[in-house]
Amino acid sequence: MLSFAFALLLAQPSAPTAKCVSRVRLEERVIDGKRSLLLFNRSKIGIVGYVVTLPNNPANIFSGKFGDPSQLAPNSFVKLGVLADDQSPSSAGIDYLRFRDGSTCGPMATKDAKDLFSAQSAR
């Protein structure tokens, strides 16, 4: 029988941020006259949860989850939110991603990421 601490260790995200970058892309686009941050799924697997952060502004954490059977399908995108004038999409980072197959990536540094990870792992 696995100890609780060991089981929790096994459940941690499986890949660093660099691996996230190869699977998704963050991009700025002007939508309805506003600078918007978009998350593109470049992988072959649907995304069911995400947390994206912008440095120096804890209020700007974009997060979301897709309920069954929804997902961010491969080769599609979701608008995360509107960027302030002083924000650059190049400063945005992936804190957490969960894919439909259960794989994850990202450092899970924020409370939002840890909460989403816990909620999705409990299902």
Foldseek 3Di string as FASTA:
>chain_A
DDDPVVVVVVLDADAEQVVVCVQWDWDWDQDPNFTWIKIAGQHQFFWFWWWKDAPPDVVPIFIDGHDPPDTQHHGHMDTRGTDDPPGDSVRMGTQKIATPVGHMYHVVPDPVSVVVSVVVVVD
